[in-house]
Amino acid sequence: GAAEDLTHDAFLRLTLEVGAGRTPDDIGAWLHRVGH
């Protein structure tokens, strides 16, 4: 359950980053690091 919530939080942060024009170069690695 916590992993599910954290995954959604990581994708929310990705949405904010992309919306601000700062799309990560390696989205998968970025999501894993933010989730961690």
Full PDB file with SEQRES, HELIX, SHEET, SSBOND, CRYST1, ORIGX, SCALE, CONECT and MASTER records, all heavy atoms in Angstrom:
SEQRES   1 A   36  GLY ALA ALA GLU ASP LEU THR HIS ASP ALA PHE LEU ARG          
SEQRES   2 A   36  LEU THR LEU GLU VAL GLY ALA GLY ARG THR PRO ASP ASP          
SEQRES   3 A   36  ILE GLY ALA TRP LEU HIS ARG VAL GLY HIS                      
HELIX    1 AA1 ALA A    2  GLY A   19  1                                  18    
HELIX    2 AA2 ILE A   27  GLY A   35  1                                   9    
CRYST1    1.000    1.000    1.000  90.00  90.00  90.00 P 1           1          
ORIGX1      1.000000  0.000000  0.000000        0.00000                         
ORIGX2      0.000000  1.000000  0.000000        0.00000                         
ORIGX3      0.000000  0.000000  1.000000        0.00000                         
SCALE1      1.000000  0.000000  0.000000        0.00000                         
SCALE2      0.000000  1.000000  0.000000        0.00000                         
SCALE3      0.000000  0.000000  1.000000        0.00000                         
ATOM      1  N   GLY A   1       0.826  -1.213   0.000  1.00  0.00           N  
ATOM      2  CA  GLY A   1       0.000   0.000   0.000  1.00  0.00           C  
ATOM      3  C   GLY A   1       0.854   1.255   0.000  1.00  0.00           C  
ATOM      4  O   GLY A   1       0.583   2.207  -0.740  1.00  0.00           O  
ATOM      5  N   ALA A   2       1.886   1.269   0.824  1.00  0.00           N  
ATOM      6  CA  ALA A   2       2.795   2.417   0.865  1.00  0.00           C  
ATOM      7  C   ALA A   2       3.520   2.550  -0.466  1.00  0.00           C  
ATOM      8  O   ALA A   2       3.700   3.658  -0.976  1.00  0.00           O  
ATOM      9  CB  ALA A   2       3.802   2.267   2.005  1.00  0.00           C  
ATOM     10  N   ALA A   3       3.927   1.419  -1.053  1.00  0.00           N  
ATOM     11  CA  ALA A   3       4.623   1.455  -2.348  1.00  0.00           C  
ATOM     12  C   ALA A   3       3.718   2.045  -3.427  1.00  0.00           C  
ATOM     13  O   ALA A   3       4.178   2.826  -4.267  1.00  0.00           O  
ATOM     14  CB  ALA A   3       5.078   0.052  -2.740  1.00  0.00           C  
ATOM     15  N   GLU A   4       2.459   1.701  -3.386  1.00  0.00           N  
ATOM     16  CA  GLU A   4       1.496   2.248  -4.359  1.00  0.00           C  
ATOM     17  C   GLU A   4       1.388   3.766  -4.192  1.00  0.00           C  
ATOM     18  O   GLU A   4       1.445   4.521  -5.168  1.00  0.00           O  
ATOM     19  CB  GLU A   4       0.124   1.596  -4.148  1.00  0.00           C  
ATOM     20  CG  GLU A   4      -0.930   2.026  -5.137  1.00  0.00           C  
ATOM     21  CD  GLU A   4      -0.741   1.416  -6.512  1.00  0.00           C  
ATOM     22  OE1 GLU A   4      -0.146   0.334  -6.623  1.00  0.00           O  
ATOM     23  OE2 GLU A   4      -1.189   2.046  -7.483  1.00  0.00           O  
ATOM     24  N   ASP A   5       1.259   4.219  -2.948  1.00  0.00           N  
ATOM     25  CA  ASP A   5       1.166   5.661  -2.684  1.00  0.00           C  
ATOM     26  C   ASP A   5       2.436   6.386  -3.120  1.00  0.00           C  
ATOM     27  O   ASP A   5       2.381   7.456  -3.727  1.00  0.00           O  
ATOM     28  CB  ASP A   5       0.924   5.930  -1.195  1.00  0.00           C  
ATOM     29  CG  ASP A   5      -0.466   5.529  -0.741  1.00  0.00           C  
ATOM     30  OD1 ASP A   5      -1.349   5.334  -1.613  1.00  0.00           O  
ATOM     31  OD2 ASP A   5      -0.665   5.402   0.482  1.00  0.00           O  
ATOM     32  N   LEU A   6       3.584   5.816  -2.804  1.00  0.00           N  
ATOM     33  CA  LEU A   6       4.856   6.441  -3.168  1.00  0.00           C  
ATOM     34  C   LEU A   6       5.045   6.487  -4.677  1.00  0.00           C  
ATOM     35  O   LEU A   6       5.591   7.454  -5.215  1.00  0.00           O  
ATOM     36  CB  LEU A   6       6.016   5.703  -2.501  1.00  0.00           C  
ATOM     37  CG  LEU A   6       6.063   5.807  -0.972  1.00  0.00           C  
ATOM     38  CD1 LEU A   6       7.085   4.834  -0.405  1.00  0.00           C  
ATOM     39  CD2 LEU A   6       6.349   7.221  -0.529  1.00  0.00           C  
ATOM     40  N   THR A   7       4.583   5.450  -5.359  1.00  0.00           N  
ATOM     41  CA  THR A   7       4.660   5.431  -6.826  1.00  0.00           C  
ATOM     42  C   THR A   7       3.840   6.578  -7.400  1.00  0.00           C  
ATOM     43  O   THR A   7       4.306   7.313  -8.278  1.00  0.00           O  
ATOM     44  CB  THR A   7       4.162   4.078  -7.384  1.00  0.00           C  
ATOM     45  OG1 THR A   7       4.989   3.035  -6.852  1.00  0.00           O  
ATOM     46  CG2 THR A   7       4.190   4.054  -8.897  1.00  0.00           C  
ATOM     47  N   HIS A   8       2.642   6.762  -6.877  1.00  0.00           N  
ATOM     48  CA  HIS A   8       1.794   7.852  -7.358  1.00  0.00           C  
ATOM     49  C   HIS A   8       2.429   9.213  -7.038  1.00  0.00           C  
ATOM     50  O   HIS A   8       2.369  10.132  -7.858  1.00  0.00           O  
ATOM     51  CB  HIS A   8       0.391   7.747  -6.765  1.00  0.00           C  
ATOM     52  CG  HIS A   8      -0.399   6.631  -7.347  1.00  0.00           C  
ATOM     53  ND1 HIS A   8      -1.161   6.751  -8.477  1.00  0.00           N  
ATOM     54  CD2 HIS A   8      -0.524   5.328  -6.966  1.00  0.00           C  
ATOM     55  CE1 HIS A   8      -1.727   5.597  -8.768  1.00  0.00           C  
ATOM     56  NE2 HIS A   8      -1.351   4.708  -7.865  1.00  0.00           N  
ATOM     57  N   ASP A   9       3.039   9.326  -5.856  1.00  0.00           N  
ATOM     58  CA  ASP A   9       3.726  10.575  -5.508  1.00  0.00           C  
ATOM     59  C   ASP A   9       4.873  10.855  -6.472  1.00  0.00           C  
ATOM     60  O   ASP A   9       5.093  11.997  -6.876  1.00  0.00           O  
ATOM     61  CB  ASP A   9       4.261  10.524  -4.074  1.00  0.00           C  
ATOM     62  CG  ASP A   9       3.169  10.660  -3.033  1.00  0.00           C  
ATOM     63  OD1 ASP A   9       2.036  11.035  -3.401  1.00  0.00           O  
ATOM     64  OD2 ASP A   9       3.450  10.394  -1.847  1.00  0.00           O  
ATOM     65  N   ALA A  10       5.620   9.816  -6.832  1.00  0.00           N  
ATOM     66  CA  ALA A  10       6.740   9.996  -7.763  1.00  0.00           C  
ATOM     67  C   ALA A  10       6.224  10.475  -9.126  1.00  0.00           C  
ATOM     68  O   ALA A  10       6.816  11.368  -9.746  1.00  0.00           O  
ATOM     69  CB  ALA A  10       7.527   8.697  -7.914  1.00  0.00           C  
ATOM     70  N   PHE A  11       5.123   9.895  -9.590  1.00  0.00           N  
ATOM     71  CA  PHE A  11       4.576  10.320 -10.875  1.00  0.00           C  
ATOM     72  C   PHE A  11       3.966  11.720 -10.791  1.00  0.00           C  
ATOM     73  O   PHE A  11       4.015  12.470 -11.768  1.00  0.00           O  
ATOM     74  CB  PHE A  11       3.564   9.297 -11.410  1.00  0.00           C  
ATOM     75  CG  PHE A  11       4.236   8.163 -12.131  1.00  0.00           C  
ATOM     76  CD1 PHE A  11       4.570   6.993 -11.471  1.00  0.00           C  
ATOM     77  CD2 PHE A  11       4.582   8.287 -13.465  1.00  0.00           C  
ATOM     78  CE1 PHE A  11       5.215   5.969 -12.126  1.00  0.00           C  
ATOM     79  CE2 PHE A  11       5.225   7.268 -14.139  1.00  0.00           C  
ATOM     80  CZ  PHE A  11       5.550   6.105 -13.460  1.00  0.00           C  
ATOM     81  N   LEU A  12       3.430  12.079  -9.643  1.00  0.00           N  
ATOM     82  CA  LEU A  12       2.944  13.451  -9.464  1.00  0.00           C  
ATOM     83  C   LEU A  12       4.111  14.423  -9.594  1.00  0.00           C  
ATOM     84  O   LEU A  12       4.016  15.447 -10.272  1.00  0.00           O  
ATOM     85  CB  LEU A  12       2.274  13.607  -8.102  1.00  0.00           C  
ATOM     86  CG  LEU A  12       1.860  15.033  -7.729  1.00  0.00           C  
ATOM     87  CD1 LEU A  12       0.822  15.558  -8.705  1.00  0.00           C  
ATOM     88  CD2 LEU A  12       1.337  15.075  -6.314  1.00  0.00           C  
ATOM     89  N   ARG A  13       5.228  14.082  -8.973  1.00  0.00           N  
ATOM     90  CA  ARG A  13       6.408  14.948  -9.075  1.00  0.00           C  
ATOM     91  C   ARG A  13       6.941  14.991 -10.509  1.00  0.00           C  
ATOM     92  O   ARG A  13       7.412  16.036 -10.955  1.00  0.00           O  
ATOM     93  CB  ARG A  13       7.475  14.498  -8.095  1.00  0.00           C  
ATOM     94  CG  ARG A  13       7.035  14.786  -6.667  1.00  0.00           C  
ATOM     95  CD  ARG A  13       8.001  14.290  -5.644  1.00  0.00           C  
ATOM     96  NE  ARG A  13       7.413  14.458  -4.331  1.00  0.00           N  
ATOM     97  CZ  ARG A  13       8.028  15.011  -3.306  1.00  0.00           C  
ATOM     98  NH1 ARG A  13       9.255  15.458  -3.455  1.00  0.00           N  
ATOM     99  NH2 ARG A  13       7.432  15.114  -2.151  1.00  0.00           N  
ATOM    100  N   LEU A  14       6.850  13.869 -11.210  1.00  0.00           N  
ATOM    101  CA  LEU A  14       7.256  13.868 -12.615  1.00  0.00           C  
ATOM    102  C   LEU A  14       6.361  14.819 -13.410  1.00  0.00           C  
ATOM    103  O   LEU A  14       6.847  15.584 -14.244  1.00  0.00           O  
ATOM    104  CB  LEU A  14       7.180  12.455 -13.210  1.00  0.00           C  
ATOM    105  CG  LEU A  14       7.472  12.365 -14.704  1.00  0.00           C  
ATOM    106  CD1 LEU A  14       8.912  12.780 -15.011  1.00  0.00           C  
ATOM    107  CD2 LEU A  14       7.187  10.964 -15.219  1.00  0.00           C  
ATOM    108  N   THR A  15       5.065  14.785 -13.146  1.00  0.00           N  
ATOM    109  CA  THR A  15       4.126  15.668 -13.833  1.00  0.00           C  
ATOM    110  C   THR A  15       4.499  17.133 -13.598  1.00  0.00           C  
ATOM    111  O   THR A  15       4.490  17.948 -14.529  1.00  0.00           O  
ATOM    112  CB  THR A  15       2.684  15.407 -13.348  1.00  0.00           C  
ATOM    113  OG1 THR A  15       2.374  14.035 -13.568  1.00  0.00           O  
ATOM    114  CG2 THR A  15       1.689  16.278 -14.077  1.00  0.00           C  
ATOM    115  N   LEU A  16       4.859  17.462 -12.370  1.00  0.00           N  
ATOM    116  CA  LEU A  16       5.251  18.833 -12.056  1.00  0.00           C  
ATOM    117  C   LEU A  16       6.549  19.220 -12.774  1.00  0.00           C  
ATOM    118  O   LEU A  16       6.662  20.335 -13.289  1.00  0.00           O  
ATOM    119  CB  LEU A  16       5.416  19.004 -10.544  1.00  0.00           C  
ATOM    120  CG  LEU A  16       4.134  18.832  -9.722  1.00  0.00           C  
ATOM    121  CD1 LEU A  16       4.457  18.839  -8.229  1.00  0.00           C  
ATOM    122  CD2 LEU A  16       3.113  19.884 -10.066  1.00  0.00           C  
ATOM    123  N   GLU A  17       7.495  18.314 -12.804  1.00  0.00           N  
ATOM    124  CA  GLU A  17       8.768  18.592 -13.477  1.00  0.00           C  
ATOM    125  C   GLU A  17       8.565  18.792 -14.978  1.00  0.00           C  
ATOM    126  O   GLU A  17       9.087  19.735 -15.566  1.00  0.00           O  
ATOM    127  CB  GLU A  17       9.776  17.459 -13.233  1.00  0.00           C  
ATOM    128  CG  GLU A  17      10.333  17.430 -11.836  1.00  0.00           C  
ATOM    129  CD  GLU A  17      11.110  18.678 -11.484  1.00  0.00           C  
ATOM    130  OE1 GLU A  17      12.065  19.015 -12.210  1.00  0.00           O  
ATOM    131  OE2 GLU A  17      10.761  19.328 -10.486  1.00  0.00           O  
ATOM    132  N   VAL A  18       7.805  17.900 -15.586  1.00  0.00           N  
ATOM    133  CA  VAL A  18       7.554  18.006 -17.031  1.00  0.00           C  
ATOM    134  C   VAL A  18       6.776  19.286 -17.311  1.00  0.00           C  
ATOM    135  O   VAL A  18       7.073  20.014 -18.268  1.00  0.00           O  
ATOM    136  CB  VAL A  18       6.801  16.757 -17.559  1.00  0.00           C  
ATOM    137  CG1 VAL A  18       6.361  16.949 -18.997  1.00  0.00           C  
ATOM    138  CG2 VAL A  18       7.682  15.510 -17.433  1.00  0.00           C  
ATOM    139  N   GLY A  19       5.811  19.592 -16.472  1.00  0.00           N  
ATOM    140  CA  GLY A  19       5.020  20.812 -16.651  1.00  0.00           C  
ATOM    141  C   GLY A  19       5.857  22.070 -16.536  1.00  0.00           C  
ATOM    142  O   GLY A  19       5.558  23.085 -17.156  1.00  0.00           O  
ATOM    143  N   ALA A  20       6.933  21.997 -15.760  1.00  0.00           N  
ATOM    144  CA  ALA A  20       7.825  23.147 -15.597  1.00  0.00           C  
ATOM    145  C   ALA A  20       8.902  23.184 -16.674  1.00  0.00           C  
ATOM    146  O   ALA A  20       9.774  24.054 -16.647  1.00  0.00           O  
ATOM    147  CB  ALA A  20       8.468  23.111 -14.213  1.00  0.00           C  
ATOM    148  N   GLY A  21       8.833  22.226 -17.611  1.00  0.00           N  
ATOM    149  CA  GLY A  21       9.802  22.202 -18.703  1.00  0.00           C  
ATOM    150  C   GLY A  21      11.128  21.556 -18.334  1.00  0.00           C  
ATOM    151  O   GLY A  21      12.138  21.780 -19.004  1.00  0.00           O  
ATOM    152  N   ARG A  22      11.146  20.743 -17.272  1.00  0.00           N  
ATOM    153  CA  ARG A  22      12.379  20.088 -16.830  1.00  0.00           C  
ATOM    154  C   ARG A  22      12.241  18.578 -16.940  1.00  0.00           C  
ATOM    155  O   ARG A  22      12.411  17.860 -15.961  1.00  0.00           O  
ATOM    156  CB  ARG A  22      12.688  20.487 -15.391  1.00  0.00           C  
ATOM    157  CG  ARG A  22      12.921  21.971 -15.189  1.00  0.00           C  
ATOM    158  CD  ARG A  22      13.319  22.284 -13.756  1.00  0.00           C  
ATOM    159  NE  ARG A  22      12.309  21.870 -12.791  1.00  0.00           N  
ATOM    160  CZ  ARG A  22      11.442  22.693 -12.191  1.00  0.00           C  
ATOM    161  NH1 ARG A  22      11.448  23.975 -12.474  1.00  0.00           N  
ATOM    162  NH2 ARG A  22      10.573  22.232 -11.328  1.00  0.00           N  
ATOM    163  N   THR A  23      11.954  18.075 -18.116  1.00  0.00           N  
ATOM    164  CA  THR A  23      11.798  16.641 -18.315  1.00  0.00           C  
ATOM    165  C   THR A  23      13.140  15.946 -18.090  1.00  0.00           C  
ATOM    166  O   THR A  23      14.144  16.315 -18.695  1.00  0.00           O  
ATOM    167  CB  THR A  23      11.293  16.342 -19.743  1.00  0.00           C  
ATOM    168  OG1 THR A  23      10.063  17.044 -19.941  1.00  0.00           O  
ATOM    169  CG2 THR A  23      11.065  14.857 -19.941  1.00  0.00           C  
ATOM    170  N   PRO A  24      13.174  14.962 -17.179  1.00  0.00           N  
ATOM    171  CA  PRO A  24      14.435  14.257 -16.914  1.00  0.00           C  
ATOM    172  C   PRO A  24      14.942  13.544 -18.172  1.00  0.00           C  
ATOM    173  O   PRO A  24      14.149  13.098 -19.012  1.00  0.00           O  
ATOM    174  CB  PRO A  24      14.060  13.240 -15.840  1.00  0.00           C  
ATOM    175  CG  PRO A  24      12.778  13.725 -15.258  1.00  0.00           C  
ATOM    176  CD  PRO A  24      12.084  14.489 -16.335  1.00  0.00           C  
ATOM    177  N   ASP A  25      16.271  13.428 -18.277  1.00  0.00           N  
ATOM    178  CA  ASP A  25      16.866  12.727 -19.421  1.00  0.00           C  
ATOM    179  C   ASP A  25      16.531  11.245 -19.376  1.00  0.00           C  
ATOM    180  O   ASP A  25      16.212  10.649 -20.392  1.00  0.00           O  
ATOM    181  CB  ASP A  25      18.392  12.909 -19.424  1.00  0.00           C  
ATOM    182  CG  ASP A  25      18.787  14.356 -19.680  1.00  0.00           C  
ATOM    183  OD1 ASP A  25      18.007  15.082 -20.332  1.00  0.00           O  
ATOM    184  OD2 ASP A  25      19.867  14.754 -19.209  1.00  0.00           O  
ATOM    185  N   ASP A  26      16.615  10.631 -18.204  1.00  0.00           N  
ATOM    186  CA  ASP A  26      16.308   9.206 -18.035  1.00  0.00           C  
ATOM    187  C   ASP A  26      15.142   9.119 -17.046  1.00  0.00           C  
ATOM    188  O   ASP A  26      15.336   9.081 -15.826  1.00  0.00           O  
ATOM    189  CB  ASP A  26      17.534   8.456 -17.511  1.00  0.00           C  
ATOM    190  CG  ASP A  26      17.314   6.955 -17.434  1.00  0.00           C  
ATOM    191  OD1 ASP A  26      16.142   6.508 -17.478  1.00  0.00           O  
ATOM    192  OD2 ASP A  26      18.324   6.225 -17.325  1.00  0.00           O  
ATOM    193  N   ILE A  27      13.942   9.094 -17.578  1.00  0.00           N  
ATOM    194  CA  ILE A  27      12.737   9.160 -16.747  1.00  0.00           C  
ATOM    195  C   ILE A  27      12.651   7.967 -15.798  1.00  0.00           C  
ATOM    196  O   ILE A  27      12.308   8.119 -14.633  1.00  0.00           O  
ATOM    197  CB  ILE A  27      11.470   9.273 -17.626  1.00  0.00           C  
ATOM    198  CG1 ILE A  27      11.471  10.636 -18.329  1.00  0.00           C  
ATOM    199  CG2 ILE A  27      10.209   9.097 -16.792  1.00  0.00           C  
ATOM    200  CD1 ILE A  27      10.323  10.854 -19.291  1.00  0.00           C  
ATOM    201  N   GLY A  28      12.987   6.782 -16.261  1.00  0.00           N  
ATOM    202  CA  GLY A  28      12.910   5.588 -15.405  1.00  0.00           C  
ATOM    203  C   GLY A  28      13.824   5.708 -14.198  1.00  0.00           C  
ATOM    204  O   GLY A  28      13.416   5.459 -13.055  1.00  0.00           O  
ATOM    205  N   ALA A  29      15.073   6.081 -14.426  1.00  0.00           N  
ATOM    206  CA  ALA A  29      16.026   6.240 -13.319  1.00  0.00           C  
ATOM    207  C   ALA A  29      15.561   7.359 -12.386  1.00  0.00           C  
ATOM    208  O   ALA A  29      15.653   7.232 -11.158  1.00  0.00           O  
ATOM    209  CB  ALA A  29      17.418   6.539 -13.858  1.00  0.00           C  
ATOM    210  N   TRP A  30      15.065   8.434 -12.959  1.00  0.00           N  
ATOM    211  CA  TRP A  30      14.594   9.562 -12.164  1.00  0.00           C  
ATOM    212  C   TRP A  30      13.446   9.124 -11.251  1.00  0.00           C  
ATOM    213  O   TRP A  30      13.426   9.450 -10.065  1.00  0.00           O  
ATOM    214  CB  TRP A  30      14.160  10.695 -13.098  1.00  0.00           C  
ATOM    215  CG  TRP A  30      13.820  11.975 -12.410  1.00  0.00           C  
ATOM    216  CD1 TRP A  30      14.648  13.014 -12.142  1.00  0.00           C  
ATOM    217  CD2 TRP A  30      12.529  12.355 -11.899  1.00  0.00           C  
ATOM    218  NE1 TRP A  30      13.967  14.018 -11.490  1.00  0.00           N  
ATOM    219  CE2 TRP A  30      12.660  13.638 -11.330  1.00  0.00           C  
ATOM    220  CE3 TRP A  30      11.281  11.747 -11.863  1.00  0.00           C  
ATOM    221  CZ2 TRP A  30      11.596  14.317 -10.744  1.00  0.00           C  
ATOM    222  CZ3 TRP A  30      10.219  12.422 -11.272  1.00  0.00           C  
ATOM    223  CH2 TRP A  30      10.381  13.684 -10.726  1.00  0.00           C  
ATOM    224  N   LEU A  31      12.486   8.371 -11.794  1.00  0.00           N  
ATOM    225  CA  LEU A  31      11.351   7.901 -11.003  1.00  0.00           C  
ATOM    226  C   LEU A  31      11.800   6.977  -9.874  1.00  0.00           C  
ATOM    227  O   LEU A  31      11.299   7.070  -8.747  1.00  0.00           O  
ATOM    228  CB  LEU A  31      10.332   7.179 -11.898  1.00  0.00           C  
ATOM    229  CG  LEU A  31       9.496   8.080 -12.799  1.00  0.00           C  
ATOM    230  CD1 LEU A  31       8.796   7.261 -13.872  1.00  0.00           C  
ATOM    231  CD2 LEU A  31       8.480   8.861 -11.967  1.00  0.00           C  
ATOM    232  N   HIS A  32      12.740   6.087 -10.167  1.00  0.00           N  
ATOM    233  CA  HIS A  32      13.243   5.189  -9.122  1.00  0.00           C  
ATOM    234  C   HIS A  32      13.931   5.992  -8.013  1.00  0.00           C  
ATOM    235  O   HIS A  32      13.745   5.715  -6.830  1.00  0.00           O  
ATOM    236  CB  HIS A  32      14.197   4.145  -9.718  1.00  0.00           C  
ATOM    237  CG  HIS A  32      13.486   3.008 -10.373  1.00  0.00           C  
ATOM    238  ND1 HIS A  32      12.989   3.086 -11.651  1.00  0.00           N  
ATOM    239  CD2 HIS A  32      13.179   1.765  -9.917  1.00  0.00           C  
ATOM    240  CE1 HIS A  32      12.416   1.943 -11.971  1.00  0.00           C  
ATOM    241  NE2 HIS A  32      12.517   1.118 -10.929  1.00  0.00           N  
ATOM    242  N   ARG A  33      14.733   6.987  -8.381  1.00  0.00           N  
ATOM    243  CA  ARG A  33      15.442   7.791  -7.381  1.00  0.00           C  
ATOM    244  C   ARG A  33      14.456   8.611  -6.560  1.00  0.00           C  
ATOM    245  O   ARG A  33      14.551   8.676  -5.335  1.00  0.00           O  
ATOM    246  CB  ARG A  33      16.462   8.715  -8.072  1.00  0.00           C  
ATOM    247  CG  ARG A  33      17.168   9.713  -7.171  1.00  0.00           C  
ATOM    248  CD  ARG A  33      17.789   9.165  -5.901  1.00  0.00           C  
ATOM    249  NE  ARG A  33      18.644   8.029  -6.120  1.00  0.00           N  
ATOM    250  CZ  ARG A  33      19.010   7.169  -5.160  1.00  0.00           C  
ATOM    251  NH1 ARG A  33      18.611   7.353  -3.922  1.00  0.00           N  
ATOM    252  NH2 ARG A  33      19.770   6.145  -5.427  1.00  0.00           N  
ATOM    253  N   VAL A  34      13.496   9.243  -7.214  1.00  0.00           N  
ATOM    254  CA  VAL A  34      12.507  10.041  -6.478  1.00  0.00           C  
ATOM    255  C   VAL A  34      11.683   9.139  -5.564  1.00  0.00           C  
ATOM    256  O   VAL A  34      11.450   9.462  -4.396  1.00  0.00           O  
ATOM    257  CB  VAL A  34      11.593  10.833  -7.456  1.00  0.00           C  
ATOM    258  CG1 VAL A  34      10.401  11.439  -6.741  1.00  0.00           C  
ATOM    259  CG2 VAL A  34      12.400  11.914  -8.155  1.00  0.00           C  
ATOM    260  N   GLY A  35      11.269   7.985  -6.067  1.00  0.00           N  
ATOM    261  CA  GLY A  35      10.522   7.033  -5.241  1.00  0.00           C  
ATOM    262  C   GLY A  35      11.334   6.578  -4.038  1.00  0.00           C  
ATOM    263  O   GLY A  35      10.819   6.487  -2.915  1.00  0.00           O  
ATOM    264  N   HIS A  36      12.612   6.295  -4.273  1.00  0.00           N  
ATOM    265  CA  HIS A  36      13.499   5.882  -3.182  1.00  0.00           C  
ATOM    266  C   HIS A  36      13.607   6.997  -2.134  1.00  0.00           C  
ATOM    267  O   HIS A  36      13.508   6.740  -0.925  1.00  0.00           O  
ATOM    268  CB  HIS A  36      14.889   5.544  -3.741  1.00  0.00           C  
ATOM    269  CG  HIS A  36      15.863   5.123  -2.698  1.00  0.00           C  
ATOM    270  ND1 HIS A  36      15.934   3.830  -2.246  1.00  0.00           N  
ATOM    271  CD2 HIS A  36      16.776   5.833  -2.001  1.00  0.00           C  
ATOM    272  CE1 HIS A  36      16.869   3.759  -1.318  1.00  0.00           C  
ATOM    273  NE2 HIS A  36      17.403   4.963  -1.152  1.00  0.00           N  
TER     274      HIS A  36                                                      
MASTER        0    0    0    2    0    0    0    6  273    1    0    3          
END                                                                             
